[in-house]
Amino acid sequence: SLMGLIGPNGAGKSTLFNLISGLYEPESGSIRLDDEELVGR
């Protein structure tokens, strides 16, 4: 799919990208790619 992620400044979009790519680690929750857990990597 080709998906857009929008919201006002400060909505958390870039932070979410940083969480997915591992630059930040979430306090809670799960991020799975192709059924592989990314959190903690």
ModelCIF file with pLDDT and N, C-alpha, C, O atoms, coordinates in Angstrom:
data_MODEL
#
_entry.id   MODEL 
#
_entity.id                         1 
_entity.type                       polymer 
_entity.pdbx_number_of_molecules   1 
#
_entity_poly.entity_id                      1 
_entity_poly.type                           'polypeptide(L)' 
_entity_poly.nstd_linkage                   no 
_entity_poly.nstd_monomer                   no 
_entity_poly.pdbx_seq_one_letter_code       SLMGLIGPNGAGKSTLFNLISGLYEPESGSIRLDDEELVGR 
_entity_poly.pdbx_seq_one_letter_code_can   SLMGLIGPNGAGKSTLFNLISGLYEPESGSIRLDDEELVGR 
_entity_poly.pdbx_strand_id                 A 
#
loop_
_entity_poly_seq.entity_id 
_entity_poly_seq.num 
_entity_poly_seq.mon_id 
_entity_poly_seq.hetero 
1 1  SER n 
1 2  LEU n 
1 3  MET n 
1 4  GLY n 
1 5  LEU n 
1 6  ILE n 
1 7  GLY n 
1 8  PRO n 
1 9  ASN n 
1 10 GLY n 
1 11 ALA n 
1 12 GLY n 
1 13 LYS n 
1 14 SER n 
1 15 THR n 
1 16 LEU n 
1 17 PHE n 
1 18 ASN n 
1 19 LEU n 
1 20 ILE n 
1 21 SER n 
1 22 GLY n 
1 23 LEU n 
1 24 TYR n 
1 25 GLU n 
1 26 PRO n 
1 27 GLU n 
1 28 SER n 
1 29 GLY n 
1 30 SER n 
1 31 ILE n 
1 32 ARG n 
1 33 LEU n 
1 34 ASP n 
1 35 ASP n 
1 36 GLU n 
1 37 GLU n 
1 38 LEU n 
1 39 VAL n 
1 40 GLY n 
1 41 ARG n 
#
_struct_asym.id          A 
_struct_asym.entity_id   1 
#
loop_
_ma_qa_metric.id 
_ma_qa_metric.mode 
_ma_qa_metric.name 
_ma_qa_metric.software_group_id 
_ma_qa_metric.type 
1 global pLDDT . pLDDT 
2 local  pLDDT . pLDDT 
#
_ma_qa_metric_global.metric_id      1 
_ma_qa_metric_global.metric_value   95.46 
_ma_qa_metric_global.model_id       1 
_ma_qa_metric_global.ordinal_id     1 
#
loop_
_ma_qa_metric_local.label_asym_id 
_ma_qa_metric_local.label_comp_id 
_ma_qa_metric_local.label_seq_id 
_ma_qa_metric_local.metric_id 
_ma_qa_metric_local.metric_value 
_ma_qa_metric_local.model_id 
_ma_qa_metric_local.ordinal_id 
A SER 1  2 96.00 1 1  
A LEU 2  2 97.00 1 2  
A MET 3  2 97.00 1 3  
A GLY 4  2 97.00 1 4  
A LEU 5  2 96.00 1 5  
A ILE 6  2 94.00 1 6  
A GLY 7  2 91.00 1 7  
A PRO 8  2 88.00 1 8  
A ASN 9  2 87.00 1 9  
A GLY 10 2 87.00 1 10 
A ALA 11 2 92.00 1 11 
A GLY 12 2 94.00 1 12 
A LYS 13 2 95.00 1 13 
A SER 14 2 93.00 1 14 
A THR 15 2 96.00 1 15 
A LEU 16 2 97.00 1 16 
A PHE 17 2 97.00 1 17 
A ASN 18 2 97.00 1 18 
A LEU 19 2 98.00 1 19 
A ILE 20 2 98.00 1 20 
A SER 21 2 97.00 1 21 
A GLY 22 2 96.00 1 22 
A LEU 23 2 96.00 1 23 
A TYR 24 2 96.00 1 24 
A GLU 25 2 96.00 1 25 
A PRO 26 2 97.00 1 26 
A GLU 27 2 96.00 1 27 
A SER 28 2 96.00 1 28 
A GLY 29 2 97.00 1 29 
A SER 30 2 98.00 1 30 
A ILE 31 2 98.00 1 31 
A ARG 32 2 98.00 1 32 
A LEU 33 2 98.00 1 33 
A ASP 34 2 95.00 1 34 
A ASP 35 2 93.00 1 35 
A GLU 36 2 95.00 1 36 
A GLU 37 2 98.00 1 37 
A LEU 38 2 98.00 1 38 
A VAL 39 2 97.00 1 39 
A GLY 40 2 95.00 1 40 
A ARG 41 2 97.00 1 41 
#
loop_
_atom_site.group_PDB 
_atom_site.id 
_atom_site.type_symbol 
_atom_site.label_atom_id 
_atom_site.label_alt_id 
_atom_site.label_comp_id 
_atom_site.label_asym_id 
_atom_site.label_entity_id 
_atom_site.label_seq_id 
_atom_site.pdbx_PDB_ins_code 
_atom_site.Cartn_x 
_atom_site.Cartn_y 
_atom_site.Cartn_z 
_atom_site.occupancy 
_atom_site.B_iso_or_equiv 
_atom_site.pdbx_formal_charge 
_atom_site.auth_seq_id 
_atom_site.auth_comp_id 
_atom_site.auth_asym_id 
_atom_site.auth_atom_id 
_atom_site.pdbx_PDB_model_num 
ATOM 1   N N  . SER A 1 1  ? 0.827  -1.202  0.000  1.00 96.00 ? 1  SER A N  1 
ATOM 2   C CA . SER A 1 1  ? 0.000  0.000   0.000  1.00 96.00 ? 1  SER A CA 1 
ATOM 3   C C  . SER A 1 1  ? 0.862  1.254   0.000  1.00 96.00 ? 1  SER A C  1 
ATOM 4   O O  . SER A 1 1  ? 2.037  1.221   0.366  1.00 96.00 ? 1  SER A O  1 
ATOM 5   N N  . LEU A 1 2  ? 0.257  2.353   -0.416 1.00 97.00 ? 2  LEU A N  1 
ATOM 6   C CA . LEU A 1 2  ? 0.895  3.672   -0.410 1.00 97.00 ? 2  LEU A CA 1 
ATOM 7   C C  . LEU A 1 2  ? 0.042  4.539   0.500  1.00 97.00 ? 2  LEU A C  1 
ATOM 8   O O  . LEU A 1 2  ? -1.051 4.960   0.119  1.00 97.00 ? 2  LEU A O  1 
ATOM 9   N N  . MET A 1 3  ? 0.540  4.806   1.704  1.00 97.00 ? 3  MET A N  1 
ATOM 10  C CA . MET A 1 3  ? -0.250 5.421   2.759  1.00 97.00 ? 3  MET A CA 1 
ATOM 11  C C  . MET A 1 3  ? 0.314  6.776   3.156  1.00 97.00 ? 3  MET A C  1 
ATOM 12  O O  . MET A 1 3  ? 1.529  6.971   3.164  1.00 97.00 ? 3  MET A O  1 
ATOM 13  N N  . GLY A 1 4  ? -0.572 7.711   3.485  1.00 97.00 ? 4  GLY A N  1 
ATOM 14  C CA . GLY A 1 4  ? -0.170 9.009   3.986  1.00 97.00 ? 4  GLY A CA 1 
ATOM 15  C C  . GLY A 1 4  ? -0.393 9.104   5.485  1.00 97.00 ? 4  GLY A C  1 
ATOM 16  O O  . GLY A 1 4  ? -1.344 8.536   6.023  1.00 97.00 ? 4  GLY A O  1 
ATOM 17  N N  . LEU A 1 5  ? 0.497  9.830   6.152  1.00 96.00 ? 5  LEU A N  1 
ATOM 18  C CA . LEU A 1 5  ? 0.383  10.069  7.591  1.00 96.00 ? 5  LEU A CA 1 
ATOM 19  C C  . LEU A 1 5  ? 0.425  11.577  7.784  1.00 96.00 ? 5  LEU A C  1 
ATOM 20  O O  . LEU A 1 5  ? 1.456  12.205  7.539  1.00 96.00 ? 5  LEU A O  1 
ATOM 21  N N  . ILE A 1 6  ? -0.706 12.176  8.230  1.00 94.00 ? 6  ILE A N  1 
ATOM 22  C CA . ILE A 1 6  ? -0.775 13.622  8.343  1.00 94.00 ? 6  ILE A CA 1 
ATOM 23  C C  . ILE A 1 6  ? -1.230 14.033  9.737  1.00 94.00 ? 6  ILE A C  1 
ATOM 24  O O  . ILE A 1 6  ? -1.681 13.214  10.538 1.00 94.00 ? 6  ILE A O  1 
ATOM 25  N N  . GLY A 1 7  ? -1.096 15.324  9.998  1.00 91.00 ? 7  GLY A N  1 
ATOM 26  C CA . GLY A 1 7  ? -1.506 15.894  11.264 1.00 91.00 ? 7  GLY A CA 1 
ATOM 27  C C  . GLY A 1 7  ? -0.812 17.219  11.483 1.00 91.00 ? 7  GLY A C  1 
ATOM 28  O O  . GLY A 1 7  ? 0.186  17.501  10.818 1.00 91.00 ? 7  GLY A O  1 
ATOM 29  N N  . PRO A 1 8  ? -1.307 18.045  12.395 1.00 88.00 ? 8  PRO A N  1 
ATOM 30  C CA . PRO A 1 8  ? -0.663 19.339  12.666 1.00 88.00 ? 8  PRO A CA 1 
ATOM 31  C C  . PRO A 1 8  ? 0.753  19.154  13.179 1.00 88.00 ? 8  PRO A C  1 
ATOM 32  O O  . PRO A 1 8  ? 1.139  18.050  13.562 1.00 88.00 ? 8  PRO A O  1 
ATOM 33  N N  . ASN A 1 9  ? 1.530  20.232  13.187 1.00 87.00 ? 9  ASN A N  1 
ATOM 34  C CA . ASN A 1 9  ? 2.856  20.180  13.799 1.00 87.00 ? 9  ASN A CA 1 
ATOM 35  C C  . ASN A 1 9  ? 2.729  19.707  15.241 1.00 87.00 ? 9  ASN A C  1 
ATOM 36  O O  . ASN A 1 9  ? 1.855  20.160  15.979 1.00 87.00 ? 9  ASN A O  1 
ATOM 37  N N  . GLY A 1 10 ? 3.612  18.790  15.633 1.00 87.00 ? 10 GLY A N  1 
ATOM 38  C CA . GLY A 1 10 ? 3.564  18.268  16.992 1.00 87.00 ? 10 GLY A CA 1 
ATOM 39  C C  . GLY A 1 10 ? 2.596  17.120  17.185 1.00 87.00 ? 10 GLY A C  1 
ATOM 40  O O  . GLY A 1 10 ? 2.363  16.692  18.316 1.00 87.00 ? 10 GLY A O  1 
ATOM 41  N N  . ALA A 1 11 ? 2.023  16.608  16.090 1.00 92.00 ? 11 ALA A N  1 
ATOM 42  C CA . ALA A 1 11 ? 1.056  15.515  16.212 1.00 92.00 ? 11 ALA A CA 1 
ATOM 43  C C  . ALA A 1 11 ? 1.713  14.179  16.534 1.00 92.00 ? 11 ALA A C  1 
ATOM 44  O O  . ALA A 1 11 ? 1.036  13.245  16.963 1.00 92.00 ? 11 ALA A O  1 
ATOM 45  N N  . GLY A 1 12 ? 3.036  14.076  16.331 1.00 94.00 ? 12 GLY A N  1 
ATOM 46  C CA . GLY A 1 12 ? 3.737  12.841  16.655 1.00 94.00 ? 12 GLY A CA 1 
ATOM 47  C C  . GLY A 1 12 ? 4.170  12.017  15.466 1.00 94.00 ? 12 GLY A C  1 
ATOM 48  O O  . GLY A 1 12 ? 4.599  10.875  15.632 1.00 94.00 ? 12 GLY A O  1 
ATOM 49  N N  . LYS A 1 13 ? 4.069  12.569  14.271 1.00 95.00 ? 13 LYS A N  1 
ATOM 50  C CA . LYS A 1 13 ? 4.349  11.805  13.054 1.00 95.00 ? 13 LYS A CA 1 
ATOM 51  C C  . LYS A 1 13 ? 5.821  11.393  12.966 1.00 95.00 ? 13 LYS A C  1 
ATOM 52  O O  . LYS A 1 13 ? 6.133  10.215  12.789 1.00 95.00 ? 13 LYS A O  1 
ATOM 53  N N  . SER A 1 14 ? 6.721  12.371  13.090 1.00 93.00 ? 14 SER A N  1 
ATOM 54  C CA . SER A 1 14 ? 8.147  12.049  13.001 1.00 93.00 ? 14 SER A CA 1 
ATOM 55  C C  . SER A 1 14 ? 8.604  11.205  14.185 1.00 93.00 ? 14 SER A C  1 
ATOM 56  O O  . SER A 1 14 ? 9.471  10.343  14.042 1.00 93.00 ? 14 SER A O  1 
ATOM 57  N N  . THR A 1 15 ? 8.018  11.456  15.355 1.00 96.00 ? 15 THR A N  1 
ATOM 58  C CA . THR A 1 15 ? 8.344  10.619  16.515 1.00 96.00 ? 15 THR A CA 1 
ATOM 59  C C  . THR A 1 15 ? 7.958  9.172   16.245 1.00 96.00 ? 15 THR A C  1 
ATOM 60  O O  . THR A 1 15 ? 8.695  8.250   16.594 1.00 96.00 ? 15 THR A O  1 
ATOM 61  N N  . LEU A 1 16 ? 6.801  8.977   15.623 1.00 97.00 ? 16 LEU A N  1 
ATOM 62  C CA . LEU A 1 16 ? 6.376  7.617   15.294 1.00 97.00 ? 16 LEU A CA 1 
ATOM 63  C C  . LEU A 1 16 ? 7.349  6.971   14.318 1.00 97.00 ? 16 LEU A C  1 
ATOM 64  O O  . LEU A 1 16 ? 7.684  5.797   14.474 1.00 97.00 ? 16 LEU A O  1 
ATOM 65  N N  . PHE A 1 17 ? 7.808  7.712   13.315 1.00 97.00 ? 17 PHE A N  1 
ATOM 66  C CA . PHE A 1 17 ? 8.827  7.183   12.405 1.00 97.00 ? 17 PHE A CA 1 
ATOM 67  C C  . PHE A 1 17 ? 10.078 6.783   13.174 1.00 97.00 ? 17 PHE A C  1 
ATOM 68  O O  . PHE A 1 17 ? 10.671 5.741   12.895 1.00 97.00 ? 17 PHE A O  1 
ATOM 69  N N  . ASN A 1 18 ? 10.486 7.605   14.144 1.00 97.00 ? 18 ASN A N  1 
ATOM 70  C CA . ASN A 1 18 ? 11.668 7.287   14.943 1.00 97.00 ? 18 ASN A CA 1 
ATOM 71  C C  . ASN A 1 18 ? 11.463 6.030   15.780 1.00 97.00 ? 18 ASN A C  1 
ATOM 72  O O  . ASN A 1 18 ? 12.410 5.282   16.021 1.00 97.00 ? 18 ASN A O  1 
ATOM 73  N N  . LEU A 1 19 ? 10.245 5.800   16.217 1.00 98.00 ? 19 LEU A N  1 
ATOM 74  C CA . LEU A 1 19 ? 9.936  4.586   16.983 1.00 98.00 ? 19 LEU A CA 1 
ATOM 75  C C  . LEU A 1 19 ? 9.982  3.356   16.084 1.00 98.00 ? 19 LEU A C  1 
ATOM 76  O O  . LEU A 1 19 ? 10.512 2.315   16.472 1.00 98.00 ? 19 LEU A O  1 
ATOM 77  N N  . ILE A 1 20 ? 9.427  3.479   14.885 1.00 98.00 ? 20 ILE A N  1 
ATOM 78  C CA . ILE A 1 20 ? 9.424  2.343   13.963 1.00 98.00 ? 20 ILE A CA 1 
ATOM 79  C C  . ILE A 1 20 ? 10.856 1.976   13.569 1.00 98.00 ? 20 ILE A C  1 
ATOM 80  O O  . ILE A 1 20 ? 11.198 0.796   13.496 1.00 98.00 ? 20 ILE A O  1 
ATOM 81  N N  . SER A 1 21 ? 11.692 2.989   13.315 1.00 97.00 ? 21 SER A N  1 
ATOM 82  C CA . SER A 1 21 ? 13.052 2.732   12.835 1.00 97.00 ? 21 SER A CA 1 
ATOM 83  C C  . SER A 1 21 ? 14.052 2.483   13.961 1.00 97.00 ? 21 SER A C  1 
ATOM 84  O O  . SER A 1 21 ? 15.227 2.231   13.696 1.00 97.00 ? 21 SER A O  1 
ATOM 85  N N  . GLY A 1 22 ? 13.601 2.549   15.214 1.00 96.00 ? 22 GLY A N  1 
ATOM 86  C CA . GLY A 1 22 ? 14.454 2.166   16.333 1.00 96.00 ? 22 GLY A CA 1 
ATOM 87  C C  . GLY A 1 22 ? 15.304 3.277   16.918 1.00 96.00 ? 22 GLY A C  1 
ATOM 88  O O  . GLY A 1 22 ? 16.114 3.021   17.809 1.00 96.00 ? 22 GLY A O  1 
ATOM 89  N N  . LEU A 1 23 ? 15.143 4.515   16.440 1.00 96.00 ? 23 LEU A N  1 
ATOM 90  C CA . LEU A 1 23 ? 15.897 5.621   17.025 1.00 96.00 ? 23 LEU A CA 1 
ATOM 91  C C  . LEU A 1 23 ? 15.396 5.942   18.434 1.00 96.00 ? 23 LEU A C  1 
ATOM 92  O O  . LEU A 1 23 ? 16.168 6.371   19.292 1.00 96.00 ? 23 LEU A O  1 
ATOM 93  N N  . TYR A 1 24 ? 14.095 5.730   18.665 1.00 96.00 ? 24 TYR A N  1 
ATOM 94  C CA . TYR A 1 24 ? 13.513 5.811   19.998 1.00 96.00 ? 24 TYR A CA 1 
ATOM 95  C C  . TYR A 1 24 ? 12.915 4.456   20.343 1.00 96.00 ? 24 TYR A C  1 
ATOM 96  O O  . TYR A 1 24 ? 12.579 3.668   19.460 1.00 96.00 ? 24 TYR A O  1 
ATOM 97  N N  . GLU A 1 25 ? 12.787 4.198   21.634 1.00 96.00 ? 25 GLU A N  1 
ATOM 98  C CA . GLU A 1 25 ? 12.089 2.986   22.081 1.00 96.00 ? 25 GLU A CA 1 
ATOM 99  C C  . GLU A 1 25 ? 10.817 3.394   22.807 1.00 96.00 ? 25 GLU A C  1 
ATOM 100 O O  . GLU A 1 25 ? 10.864 4.249   23.691 1.00 96.00 ? 25 GLU A O  1 
ATOM 101 N N  . PRO A 1 26 ? 9.685  2.805   22.456 1.00 97.00 ? 26 PRO A N  1 
ATOM 102 C CA . PRO A 1 26 ? 8.434  3.193   23.114 1.00 97.00 ? 26 PRO A CA 1 
ATOM 103 C C  . PRO A 1 26 ? 8.388  2.761   24.574 1.00 97.00 ? 26 PRO A C  1 
ATOM 104 O O  . PRO A 1 26 ? 9.056  1.812   24.983 1.00 97.00 ? 26 PRO A O  1 
ATOM 105 N N  . GLU A 1 27 ? 7.580  3.485   25.349 1.00 96.00 ? 27 GLU A N  1 
ATOM 106 C CA . GLU A 1 27 ? 7.374  3.100   26.741 1.00 96.00 ? 27 GLU A CA 1 
ATOM 107 C C  . GLU A 1 27 ? 6.442  1.900   26.849 1.00 96.00 ? 27 GLU A C  1 
ATOM 108 O O  . GLU A 1 27 ? 6.511  1.113   27.793 1.00 96.00 ? 27 GLU A O  1 
ATOM 109 N N  . SER A 1 28 ? 5.578  1.786   25.860 1.00 96.00 ? 28 SER A N  1 
ATOM 110 C CA . SER A 1 28 ? 4.638  0.659   25.845 1.00 96.00 ? 28 SER A CA 1 
ATOM 111 C C  . SER A 1 28 ? 4.224  0.395   24.415 1.00 96.00 ? 28 SER A C  1 
ATOM 112 O O  . SER A 1 28 ? 4.409  1.229   23.529 1.00 96.00 ? 28 SER A O  1 
ATOM 113 N N  . GLY A 1 29 ? 3.661  -0.779  24.208 1.00 97.00 ? 29 GLY A N  1 
ATOM 114 C CA . GLY A 1 29 ? 3.140  -1.117  22.901 1.00 97.00 ? 29 GLY A CA 1 
ATOM 115 C C  . GLY A 1 29 ? 4.062  -2.006  22.087 1.00 97.00 ? 29 GLY A C  1 
ATOM 116 O O  . GLY A 1 29 ? 5.154  -2.374  22.520 1.00 97.00 ? 29 GLY A O  1 
ATOM 117 N N  . SER A 1 30 ? 3.591  -2.337  20.901 1.00 98.00 ? 30 SER A N  1 
ATOM 118 C CA . SER A 1 30 ? 4.282  -3.265  20.016 1.00 98.00 ? 30 SER A CA 1 
ATOM 119 C C  . SER A 1 30 ? 4.330  -2.702  18.602 1.00 98.00 ? 30 SER A C  1 
ATOM 120 O O  . SER A 1 30 ? 3.370  -2.089  18.135 1.00 98.00 ? 30 SER A O  1 
ATOM 121 N N  . ILE A 1 31 ? 5.460  -2.915  17.923 1.00 98.00 ? 31 ILE A N  1 
ATOM 122 C CA . ILE A 1 31 ? 5.610  -2.555  16.511 1.00 98.00 ? 31 ILE A CA 1 
ATOM 123 C C  . ILE A 1 31 ? 6.145  -3.792  15.798 1.00 98.00 ? 31 ILE A C  1 
ATOM 124 O O  . ILE A 1 31 ? 7.269  -4.226  16.051 1.00 98.00 ? 31 ILE A O  1 
ATOM 125 N N  . ARG A 1 32 ? 5.344  -4.348  14.919 1.00 98.00 ? 32 ARG A N  1 
ATOM 126 C CA . ARG A 1 32 ? 5.728  -5.592  14.256 1.00 98.00 ? 32 ARG A CA 1 
ATOM 127 C C  . ARG A 1 32 ? 5.777  -5.390  12.745 1.00 98.00 ? 32 ARG A C  1 
ATOM 128 O O  . ARG A 1 32 ? 4.856  -4.832  12.148 1.00 98.00 ? 32 ARG A O  1 
ATOM 129 N N  . LEU A 1 33 ? 6.859  -5.849  12.144 1.00 98.00 ? 33 LEU A N  1 
ATOM 130 C CA . LEU A 1 33 ? 7.022  -5.821  10.696 1.00 98.00 ? 33 LEU A CA 1 
ATOM 131 C C  . LEU A 1 33 ? 7.092  -7.248  10.193 1.00 98.00 ? 33 LEU A C  1 
ATOM 132 O O  . LEU A 1 33 ? 7.988  -8.007  10.563 1.00 98.00 ? 33 LEU A O  1 
ATOM 133 N N  . ASP A 1 34 ? 6.132  -7.608  9.342  1.00 95.00 ? 34 ASP A N  1 
ATOM 134 C CA . ASP A 1 34 ? 6.112  -8.962  8.792  1.00 95.00 ? 34 ASP A CA 1 
ATOM 135 C C  . ASP A 1 34 ? 6.174  -9.990  9.926  1.00 95.00 ? 34 ASP A C  1 
ATOM 136 O O  . ASP A 1 34 ? 6.851  -11.013 9.822  1.00 95.00 ? 34 ASP A O  1 
ATOM 137 N N  . ASP A 1 35 ? 5.448  -9.691  11.015 1.00 93.00 ? 35 ASP A N  1 
ATOM 138 C CA . ASP A 1 35 ? 5.317  -10.519 12.213 1.00 93.00 ? 35 ASP A CA 1 
ATOM 139 C C  . ASP A 1 35 ? 6.603  -10.600 13.039 1.00 93.00 ? 35 ASP A C  1 
ATOM 140 O O  . ASP A 1 35 ? 6.718  -11.456 13.915 1.00 93.00 ? 35 ASP A O  1 
ATOM 141 N N  . GLU A 1 36 ? 7.572  -9.714  12.768 1.00 95.00 ? 36 GLU A N  1 
ATOM 142 C CA . GLU A 1 36 ? 8.787  -9.618  13.587 1.00 95.00 ? 36 GLU A CA 1 
ATOM 143 C C  . GLU A 1 36 ? 8.666  -8.405  14.498 1.00 95.00 ? 36 GLU A C  1 
ATOM 144 O O  . GLU A 1 36 ? 8.398  -7.301  14.026 1.00 95.00 ? 36 GLU A O  1 
ATOM 145 N N  . GLU A 1 37 ? 8.864  -8.600  15.811 1.00 98.00 ? 37 GLU A N  1 
ATOM 146 C CA . GLU A 1 37 ? 8.813  -7.488  16.752 1.00 98.00 ? 37 GLU A CA 1 
ATOM 147 C C  . GLU A 1 37 ? 10.032 -6.594  16.568 1.00 98.00 ? 37 GLU A C  1 
ATOM 148 O O  . GLU A 1 37 ? 11.169 -7.066  16.581 1.00 98.00 ? 37 GLU A O  1 
ATOM 149 N N  . LEU A 1 38 ? 9.781  -5.278  16.394 1.00 98.00 ? 38 LEU A N  1 
ATOM 150 C CA . LEU A 1 38 ? 10.875 -4.327  16.207 1.00 98.00 ? 38 LEU A CA 1 
ATOM 151 C C  . LEU A 1 38 ? 11.307 -3.656  17.507 1.00 98.00 ? 38 LEU A C  1 
ATOM 152 O O  . LEU A 1 38 ? 12.451 -3.217  17.624 1.00 98.00 ? 38 LEU A O  1 
ATOM 153 N N  . VAL A 1 39 ? 10.417 -3.574  18.473 1.00 97.00 ? 39 VAL A N  1 
ATOM 154 C CA . VAL A 1 39 ? 10.733 -2.896  19.724 1.00 97.00 ? 39 VAL A CA 1 
ATOM 155 C C  . VAL A 1 39 ? 11.884 -3.611  20.429 1.00 97.00 ? 39 VAL A C  1 
ATOM 156 O O  . VAL A 1 39 ? 11.860 -4.829  20.608 1.00 97.00 ? 39 VAL A O  1 
ATOM 157 N N  . GLY A 1 40 ? 12.891 -2.830  20.825 1.00 95.00 ? 40 GLY A N  1 
ATOM 158 C CA . GLY A 1 40 ? 14.048 -3.398  21.512 1.00 95.00 ? 40 GLY A CA 1 
ATOM 159 C C  . GLY A 1 40 ? 15.204 -3.730  20.606 1.00 95.00 ? 40 GLY A C  1 
ATOM 160 O O  . GLY A 1 40 ? 16.282 -4.085  21.085 1.00 95.00 ? 40 GLY A O  1 
ATOM 161 N N  . ARG A 1 41 ? 15.005 -3.623  19.293 1.00 97.00 ? 41 ARG A N  1 
ATOM 162 C CA . ARG A 1 41 ? 16.090 -3.906  18.343 1.00 97.00 ? 41 ARG A CA 1 
ATOM 163 C C  . ARG A 1 41 ? 16.856 -2.628  18.010 1.00 97.00 ? 41 ARG A C  1 
ATOM 164 O O  . ARG A 1 41 ? 17.806 -2.663  17.227 1.00 97.00 ? 41 ARG A O  1 
#
